[in-house]
Amino acid sequence: MPKRGYHHGNLRQALIDGALQLIELRGPTGFTLSEAAKEAGVTPAAVYRHFEGREDLIAEGALQGYHIFAEAMEAAYASGQPSALKAFEATGRAYLAFARAHPGHYIAMFESGISVNRTPELAAAANRANGVLEQAASDLSQHIPADKRPPASMFSAHIWAMSHGVVELFARNSPGRASPFPADDLLESGIGIYLRGLGLVGPDD
C-alpha cells in the first residue's frame, strides 16, 4: 500500500483505513498497532500522534461505520415512502447490504467489544442509526390496534436482532453454517412471518 498518510496529508485516515482492512482479514483482535501502521505505510510511532491504543483506532472505525450505516438506513427509509410497510422492509434490507459492503466497519461496530457509550460521538451516531429503524417501526405499528401494539423500540429491536442474526450466521461466510437459502431470502421471509404475526400483512402478501 502506498504511503498515503504522508503523501496525501491524511495520516489519521490512512491509519483507520489500514486498521479496517486488517479487521476484515483477521478480526478486531488479530492485529497490532505496528501492523496497522505498516498497512498505512508509516512508522509505528506515527500511530500515537492520533490514537492512544488499538481500541481507540477501532472505535474510530466504528464511529465512521455508524455514520455510513445511518445514512444508508435513512436513504432506505426514504425510498419506501409513503408506504410505512415498504419503508420498514427497506431498512431491514439496508442492514444486510451495509454488512456486505462494509465488513471492516461492521466488525468494528458489532464484533469488537467496543461500547457505543465509549464516547458521546459514538453513542450519538449509533442512536441515529437505531432511530431510523425505530421510526420505521413506529410508523408501521400505527396500523395495529393500540391495545395490541408493541412498543416501537421492542418492534425495532426484534427486527434488528433478526437482521443481525442472518448477517452473522449466513451472510459473512461463517464456517459450518451454510444455508440452502440466500441471506436476503431468509431475512425477507423472517420479517414477513413477524409482520403477519402482528397482523400487518395478509397471508398472501
C-alpha atoms as a PDB file:
ATOM      1  CA  MET A   1       0.000   0.000   0.000  1.00  0.00           C
ATOM      2  CA  PRO A   2       1.408   3.457  -0.832  1.00  0.00           C
ATOM      3  CA  LYS A   3       2.321   5.811   1.969  1.00  0.00           C
ATOM      4  CA  ARG A   4      -0.889   7.743   1.507  1.00  0.00           C
ATOM      5  CA  GLY A   5      -0.809   9.059   5.069  1.00  0.00           C
ATOM      6  CA  TYR A   6       2.181  11.314   4.458  1.00  0.00           C
ATOM      7  CA  HIS A   7       1.823  11.863   0.742  1.00  0.00           C
ATOM      8  CA  HIS A   8      -1.850  12.774   0.887  1.00  0.00           C
ATOM      9  CA  GLY A   9      -1.693  14.700   4.130  1.00  0.00           C
ATOM     10  CA  ASN A  10      -4.223  12.490   5.898  1.00  0.00           C
ATOM     11  CA  LEU A  11      -2.254  10.196   8.165  1.00  0.00           C
ATOM     12  CA  ARG A  12      -5.125   9.689  10.579  1.00  0.00           C
ATOM     13  CA  GLN A  13      -7.499   8.389   7.914  1.00  0.00           C
ATOM     14  CA  ALA A  14      -4.777   6.232   6.398  1.00  0.00           C
ATOM     15  CA  LEU A  15      -4.352   4.521   9.766  1.00  0.00           C
ATOM     16  CA  ILE A  16      -8.103   3.982  10.116  1.00  0.00           C
ATOM     17  CA  ASP A  17      -8.351   2.547   6.604  1.00  0.00           C
ATOM     18  CA  GLY A  18      -5.398   0.251   7.276  1.00  0.00           C
ATOM     19  CA  ALA A  19      -6.949  -0.952  10.530  1.00  0.00           C
ATOM     20  CA  LEU A  20     -10.291  -1.624   8.840  1.00  0.00           C
ATOM     21  CA  GLN A  21      -8.601  -3.805   6.241  1.00  0.00           C
ATOM     22  CA  LEU A  22      -6.840  -5.776   8.981  1.00  0.00           C
ATOM     23  CA  ILE A  23     -10.075  -6.083  10.966  1.00  0.00           C
ATOM     24  CA  GLU A  24     -11.792  -7.534   7.909  1.00  0.00           C
ATOM     25  CA  LEU A  25      -8.990 -10.033   7.361  1.00  0.00           C
ATOM     26  CA  ARG A  26      -8.114 -11.001  10.938  1.00  0.00           C
ATOM     27  CA  GLY A  27     -10.818  -9.722  13.255  1.00  0.00           C
ATOM     28  CA  PRO A  28     -10.636  -6.862  15.766  1.00  0.00           C
ATOM     29  CA  THR A  29      -8.010  -8.524  17.976  1.00  0.00           C
ATOM     30  CA  GLY A  30      -5.948 -10.050  15.183  1.00  0.00           C
ATOM     31  CA  PHE A  31      -3.566  -7.161  14.559  1.00  0.00           C
ATOM     32  CA  THR A  32      -1.210  -4.826  16.381  1.00  0.00           C
ATOM     33  CA  LEU A  33      -0.793  -1.087  16.110  1.00  0.00           C
ATOM     34  CA  SER A  34       2.532  -1.683  14.399  1.00  0.00           C
ATOM     35  CA  GLU A  35       0.776  -3.744  11.734  1.00  0.00           C
ATOM     36  CA  ALA A  36      -1.824  -1.020  11.265  1.00  0.00           C
ATOM     37  CA  ALA A  37       0.999   1.484  10.786  1.00  0.00           C
ATOM     38  CA  LYS A  38       2.666  -0.805   8.258  1.00  0.00           C
ATOM     39  CA  GLU A  39      -0.619  -1.206   6.378  1.00  0.00           C
ATOM     40  CA  ALA A  40      -0.852   2.586   6.173  1.00  0.00           C
ATOM     41  CA  GLY A  41       2.781   2.884   5.100  1.00  0.00           C
ATOM     42  CA  VAL A  42       4.011   4.830   8.138  1.00  0.00           C
ATOM     43  CA  THR A  43       6.172   4.190  11.194  1.00  0.00           C
ATOM     44  CA  PRO A  44       4.639   2.710  14.377  1.00  0.00           C
ATOM     45  CA  ALA A  45       5.416   5.909  16.251  1.00  0.00           C
ATOM     46  CA  ALA A  46       3.110   7.797  13.889  1.00  0.00           C
ATOM     47  CA  VAL A  47       0.074   5.949  15.249  1.00  0.00           C
ATOM     48  CA  TYR A  48       0.442   7.557  18.667  1.00  0.00           C
ATOM     49  CA  ARG A  49       0.141  11.020  17.216  1.00  0.00           C
ATOM     50  CA  HIS A  50      -3.548  10.292  16.723  1.00  0.00           C
ATOM     51  CA  PHE A  51      -4.532   7.249  18.809  1.00  0.00           C
ATOM     52  CA  GLU A  52      -3.635   6.131  22.321  1.00  0.00           C
ATOM     53  CA  GLY A  53      -4.070   2.459  21.505  1.00  0.00           C
ATOM     54  CA  ARG A  54      -5.709  -0.148  19.307  1.00  0.00           C
ATOM     55  CA  GLU A  55      -9.130   0.269  20.892  1.00  0.00           C
ATOM     56  CA  ASP A  56      -9.137   3.974  20.067  1.00  0.00           C
ATOM     57  CA  LEU A  57      -8.311   3.136  16.469  1.00  0.00           C
ATOM     58  CA  ILE A  58     -11.082   0.526  16.274  1.00  0.00           C
ATOM     59  CA  ALA A  59     -13.550   2.903  17.928  1.00  0.00           C
ATOM     60  CA  GLU A  60     -12.874   5.496  15.248  1.00  0.00           C
ATOM     61  CA  GLY A  61     -13.545   2.886  12.574  1.00  0.00           C
ATOM     62  CA  ALA A  62     -16.800   2.048  14.346  1.00  0.00           C
ATOM     63  CA  LEU A  63     -17.758   5.723  14.504  1.00  0.00           C
ATOM     64  CA  GLN A  64     -17.242   6.168  10.791  1.00  0.00           C
ATOM     65  CA  GLY A  65     -19.174   2.958  10.193  1.00  0.00           C
ATOM     66  CA  TYR A  66     -22.157   4.190  12.180  1.00  0.00           C
ATOM     67  CA  HIS A  67     -22.241   7.370  10.126  1.00  0.00           C
ATOM     68  CA  ILE A  68     -22.248   5.364   6.884  1.00  0.00           C
ATOM     69  CA  PHE A  69     -24.817   2.968   8.323  1.00  0.00           C
ATOM     70  CA  ALA A  70     -27.149   5.752   9.464  1.00  0.00           C
ATOM     71  CA  GLU A  71     -27.033   7.398   6.052  1.00  0.00           C
ATOM     72  CA  ALA A  72     -27.841   4.066   4.392  1.00  0.00           C
ATOM     73  CA  MET A  73     -30.746   3.473   6.767  1.00  0.00           C
ATOM     74  CA  GLU A  74     -32.109   6.978   6.211  1.00  0.00           C
ATOM     75  CA  ALA A  75     -31.912   6.551   2.445  1.00  0.00           C
ATOM     76  CA  ALA A  76     -33.669   3.175   2.673  1.00  0.00           C
ATOM     77  CA  TYR A  77     -36.419   4.601   4.871  1.00  0.00           C
ATOM     78  CA  ALA A  78     -36.980   7.471   2.447  1.00  0.00           C
ATOM     79  CA  SER A  79     -37.046   5.122  -0.543  1.00  0.00           C
ATOM     80  CA  GLY A  80     -40.079   3.310   0.810  1.00  0.00           C
ATOM     81  CA  GLN A  81     -42.188   6.373   1.482  1.00  0.00           C
ATOM     82  CA  PRO A  82     -45.076   6.996   1.639  1.00  0.00           C
ATOM     83  CA  SER A  83     -45.734   3.303   2.385  1.00  0.00           C
ATOM     84  CA  ALA A  84     -44.902   2.525   6.014  1.00  0.00           C
ATOM     85  CA  LEU A  85     -44.588  -1.171   5.137  1.00  0.00           C
ATOM     86  CA  LYS A  86     -42.180  -0.628   2.248  1.00  0.00           C
ATOM     87  CA  ALA A  87     -40.113   1.833   4.282  1.00  0.00           C
ATOM     88  CA  PHE A  88     -39.837  -0.673   7.121  1.00  0.00           C
ATOM     89  CA  GLU A  89     -38.861  -3.554   4.867  1.00  0.00           C
ATOM     90  CA  ALA A  90     -36.276  -1.361   3.119  1.00  0.00           C
ATOM     91  CA  THR A  91     -34.492  -0.630   6.401  1.00  0.00           C
ATOM     92  CA  GLY A  92     -34.153  -4.353   7.071  1.00  0.00           C
ATOM     93  CA  ARG A  93     -32.580  -4.910   3.668  1.00  0.00           C
ATOM     94  CA  ALA A  94     -30.267  -1.945   4.209  1.00  0.00           C
ATOM     95  CA  TYR A  95     -28.771  -3.671   7.248  1.00  0.00           C
ATOM     96  CA  LEU A  96     -27.771  -6.689   5.215  1.00  0.00           C
ATOM     97  CA  ALA A  97     -26.454  -4.547   2.363  1.00  0.00           C
ATOM     98  CA  PHE A  98     -24.310  -2.500   4.744  1.00  0.00           C
ATOM     99  CA  ALA A  99     -22.758  -5.590   6.314  1.00  0.00           C
ATOM    100  CA  ARG A 100     -21.779  -6.863   2.869  1.00  0.00           C
ATOM    101  CA  ALA A 101     -20.445  -3.569   1.549  1.00  0.00           C
ATOM    102  CA  HIS A 102     -18.527  -2.504   4.684  1.00  0.00           C
ATOM    103  CA  PRO A 103     -17.330  -5.631   6.508  1.00  0.00           C
ATOM    104  CA  GLY A 104     -14.476  -3.884   8.330  1.00  0.00           C
ATOM    105  CA  HIS A 105     -16.772  -1.201   9.673  1.00  0.00           C
ATOM    106  CA  TYR A 106     -19.430  -3.777  10.552  1.00  0.00           C
ATOM    107  CA  ILE A 107     -16.992  -5.855  12.606  1.00  0.00           C
ATOM    108  CA  ALA A 108     -15.642  -2.763  14.373  1.00  0.00           C
ATOM    109  CA  MET A 109     -19.212  -1.732  15.235  1.00  0.00           C
ATOM    110  CA  PHE A 110     -20.733  -5.044  16.303  1.00  0.00           C
ATOM    111  CA  GLU A 111     -17.994  -7.605  16.966  1.00  0.00           C
ATOM    112  CA  SER A 112     -15.103  -5.708  18.525  1.00  0.00           C
ATOM    113  CA  GLY A 113     -16.465  -5.333  22.034  1.00  0.00           C
ATOM    114  CA  ILE A 114     -16.221  -1.541  21.747  1.00  0.00           C
ATOM    115  CA  SER A 115     -19.105   0.003  23.677  1.00  0.00           C
ATOM    116  CA  VAL A 116     -21.257   2.525  21.824  1.00  0.00           C
ATOM    117  CA  ASN A 117     -21.038   4.565  25.023  1.00  0.00           C
ATOM    118  CA  ARG A 118     -17.265   4.832  24.790  1.00  0.00           C
ATOM    119  CA  THR A 119     -17.622   8.413  23.581  1.00  0.00           C
ATOM    120  CA  PRO A 120     -20.593  10.787  23.213  1.00  0.00           C
ATOM    121  CA  GLU A 121     -19.925  10.956  19.465  1.00  0.00           C
ATOM    122  CA  LEU A 122     -20.087   7.190  19.085  1.00  0.00           C
ATOM    123  CA  ALA A 123     -23.284   6.970  21.137  1.00  0.00           C
ATOM    124  CA  ALA A 124     -24.926   9.715  19.072  1.00  0.00           C
ATOM    125  CA  ALA A 125     -24.006   8.033  15.787  1.00  0.00           C
ATOM    126  CA  ALA A 126     -25.322   4.661  16.968  1.00  0.00           C
ATOM    127  CA  ASN A 127     -28.545   6.229  18.234  1.00  0.00           C
ATOM    128  CA  ARG A 128     -29.051   7.952  14.896  1.00  0.00           C
ATOM    129  CA  ALA A 129     -28.944   4.646  13.032  1.00  0.00           C
ATOM    130  CA  ASN A 130     -31.158   2.877  15.576  1.00  0.00           C
ATOM    131  CA  GLY A 131     -33.558   5.798  15.485  1.00  0.00           C
ATOM    132  CA  VAL A 132     -34.290   5.264  11.804  1.00  0.00           C
ATOM    133  CA  LEU A 133     -35.409   1.679  12.347  1.00  0.00           C
ATOM    134  CA  GLU A 134     -37.404   2.666  15.415  1.00  0.00           C
ATOM    135  CA  GLN A 135     -39.154   5.409  13.438  1.00  0.00           C
ATOM    136  CA  ALA A 136     -39.985   2.950  10.669  1.00  0.00           C
ATOM    137  CA  ALA A 137     -41.361   0.541  13.272  1.00  0.00           C
ATOM    138  CA  SER A 138     -43.374   3.311  14.905  1.00  0.00           C
ATOM    139  CA  ASP A 139     -44.909   4.313  11.562  1.00  0.00           C
ATOM    140  CA  LEU A 140     -45.898   0.754  10.762  1.00  0.00           C
ATOM    141  CA  SER A 141     -47.222  -0.041  14.234  1.00  0.00           C
ATOM    142  CA  GLN A 142     -49.840   2.690  13.893  1.00  0.00           C
ATOM    143  CA  HIS A 143     -51.779   0.142  11.830  1.00  0.00           C
ATOM    144  CA  ILE A 144     -52.058  -2.125  14.887  1.00  0.00           C
ATOM    145  CA  PRO A 145     -54.827  -1.532  17.449  1.00  0.00           C
ATOM    146  CA  ALA A 146     -53.417   0.379  20.399  1.00  0.00           C
ATOM    147  CA  ASP A 147     -54.145  -2.399  22.895  1.00  0.00           C
ATOM    148  CA  LYS A 148     -52.173  -4.903  20.802  1.00  0.00           C
ATOM    149  CA  ARG A 149     -49.385  -2.602  19.689  1.00  0.00           C
ATOM    150  CA  PRO A 150     -45.852  -3.434  20.916  1.00  0.00           C
ATOM    151  CA  PRO A 151     -43.583  -0.509  21.823  1.00  0.00           C
ATOM    152  CA  ALA A 152     -41.756   0.742  18.738  1.00  0.00           C
ATOM    153  CA  SER A 153     -38.428   0.163  20.492  1.00  0.00           C
ATOM    154  CA  MET A 154     -39.320  -3.514  21.023  1.00  0.00           C
ATOM    155  CA  PHE A 155     -40.618  -3.846  17.464  1.00  0.00           C
ATOM    156  CA  SER A 156     -37.410  -2.412  16.011  1.00  0.00           C
ATOM    157  CA  ALA A 157     -35.217  -4.450  18.387  1.00  0.00           C
ATOM    158  CA  HIS A 158     -36.807  -7.675  17.147  1.00  0.00           C
ATOM    159  CA  ILE A 159     -36.070  -6.805  13.518  1.00  0.00           C
ATOM    160  CA  TRP A 160     -32.565  -5.600  14.360  1.00  0.00           C
ATOM    161  CA  ALA A 161     -31.869  -8.880  16.138  1.00  0.00           C
ATOM    162  CA  MET A 162     -33.230 -10.879  13.207  1.00  0.00           C
ATOM    163  CA  SER A 163     -31.160  -8.890  10.716  1.00  0.00           C
ATOM    164  CA  HIS A 164     -28.029  -9.251  12.835  1.00  0.00           C
ATOM    165  CA  GLY A 165     -28.559 -12.979  13.205  1.00  0.00           C
ATOM    166  CA  VAL A 166     -28.917 -13.502   9.467  1.00  0.00           C
ATOM    167  CA  VAL A 167     -25.751 -11.482   8.853  1.00  0.00           C
ATOM    168  CA  GLU A 168     -23.728 -13.307  11.495  1.00  0.00           C
ATOM    169  CA  LEU A 169     -24.836 -16.813  10.621  1.00  0.00           C
ATOM    170  CA  PHE A 170     -25.349 -16.735   6.870  1.00  0.00           C
ATOM    171  CA  ALA A 171     -24.067 -13.551   5.213  1.00  0.00           C
ATOM    172  CA  ARG A 172     -20.459 -13.455   6.382  1.00  0.00           C
ATOM    173  CA  ASN A 173     -19.351 -16.941   5.378  1.00  0.00           C
ATOM    174  CA  SER A 174     -19.321 -18.325   8.926  1.00  0.00           C
ATOM    175  CA  PRO A 175     -17.730 -21.804   8.773  1.00  0.00           C
ATOM    176  CA  GLY A 176     -20.111 -24.686   9.345  1.00  0.00           C
ATOM    177  CA  ARG A 177     -23.246 -22.615   8.959  1.00  0.00           C
ATOM    178  CA  ALA A 178     -24.175 -22.983   5.323  1.00  0.00           C
ATOM    179  CA  SER A 179     -27.773 -22.270   4.416  1.00  0.00           C
ATOM    180  CA  PRO A 180     -29.704 -23.648   1.438  1.00  0.00           C
ATOM    181  CA  PHE A 181     -31.337 -20.220   1.116  1.00  0.00           C
ATOM    182  CA  PRO A 182     -29.805 -16.841   0.212  1.00  0.00           C
ATOM    183  CA  ALA A 183     -29.403 -14.495   3.174  1.00  0.00           C
ATOM    184  CA  ASP A 184     -31.695 -11.955   1.524  1.00  0.00           C
ATOM    185  CA  ASP A 185     -34.490 -14.525   1.262  1.00  0.00           C
ATOM    186  CA  LEU A 186     -34.027 -15.620   4.864  1.00  0.00           C
ATOM    187  CA  LEU A 187     -34.309 -12.075   6.124  1.00  0.00           C
ATOM    188  CA  GLU A 188     -37.260 -11.162   3.913  1.00  0.00           C
ATOM    189  CA  SER A 189     -39.230 -14.275   4.859  1.00  0.00           C
ATOM    190  CA  GLY A 190     -38.389 -13.807   8.544  1.00  0.00           C
ATOM    191  CA  ILE A 191     -39.634 -10.220   8.509  1.00  0.00           C
ATOM    192  CA  GLY A 192     -42.742 -11.357   6.640  1.00  0.00           C
ATOM    193  CA  ILE A 193     -43.541 -14.003   9.272  1.00  0.00           C
ATOM    194  CA  TYR A 194     -43.020 -11.453  12.045  1.00  0.00           C
ATOM    195  CA  LEU A 195     -45.292  -8.904  10.392  1.00  0.00           C
ATOM    196  CA  ARG A 196     -48.006 -11.499   9.748  1.00  0.00           C
ATOM    197  CA  GLY A 197     -47.910 -12.361  13.422  1.00  0.00           C
ATOM    198  CA  LEU A 198     -48.704  -8.734  14.176  1.00  0.00           C
ATOM    199  CA  GLY A 199     -51.456  -8.678  11.596  1.00  0.00           C
ATOM    200  CA  LEU A 200     -49.665  -6.129   9.431  1.00  0.00           C
ATOM    201  CA  VAL A 201     -49.596  -8.194   6.238  1.00  0.00           C
ATOM    202  CA  GLY A 202     -52.085 -10.742   4.965  1.00  0.00           C
ATOM    203  CA  PRO A 203     -51.342 -14.458   4.489  1.00  0.00           C
ATOM    204  CA  ASP A 204     -50.910 -13.957   0.741  1.00  0.00           C
ATOM    205  CA  ASP A 205     -48.614 -10.883   0.925  1.00  0.00           C
END
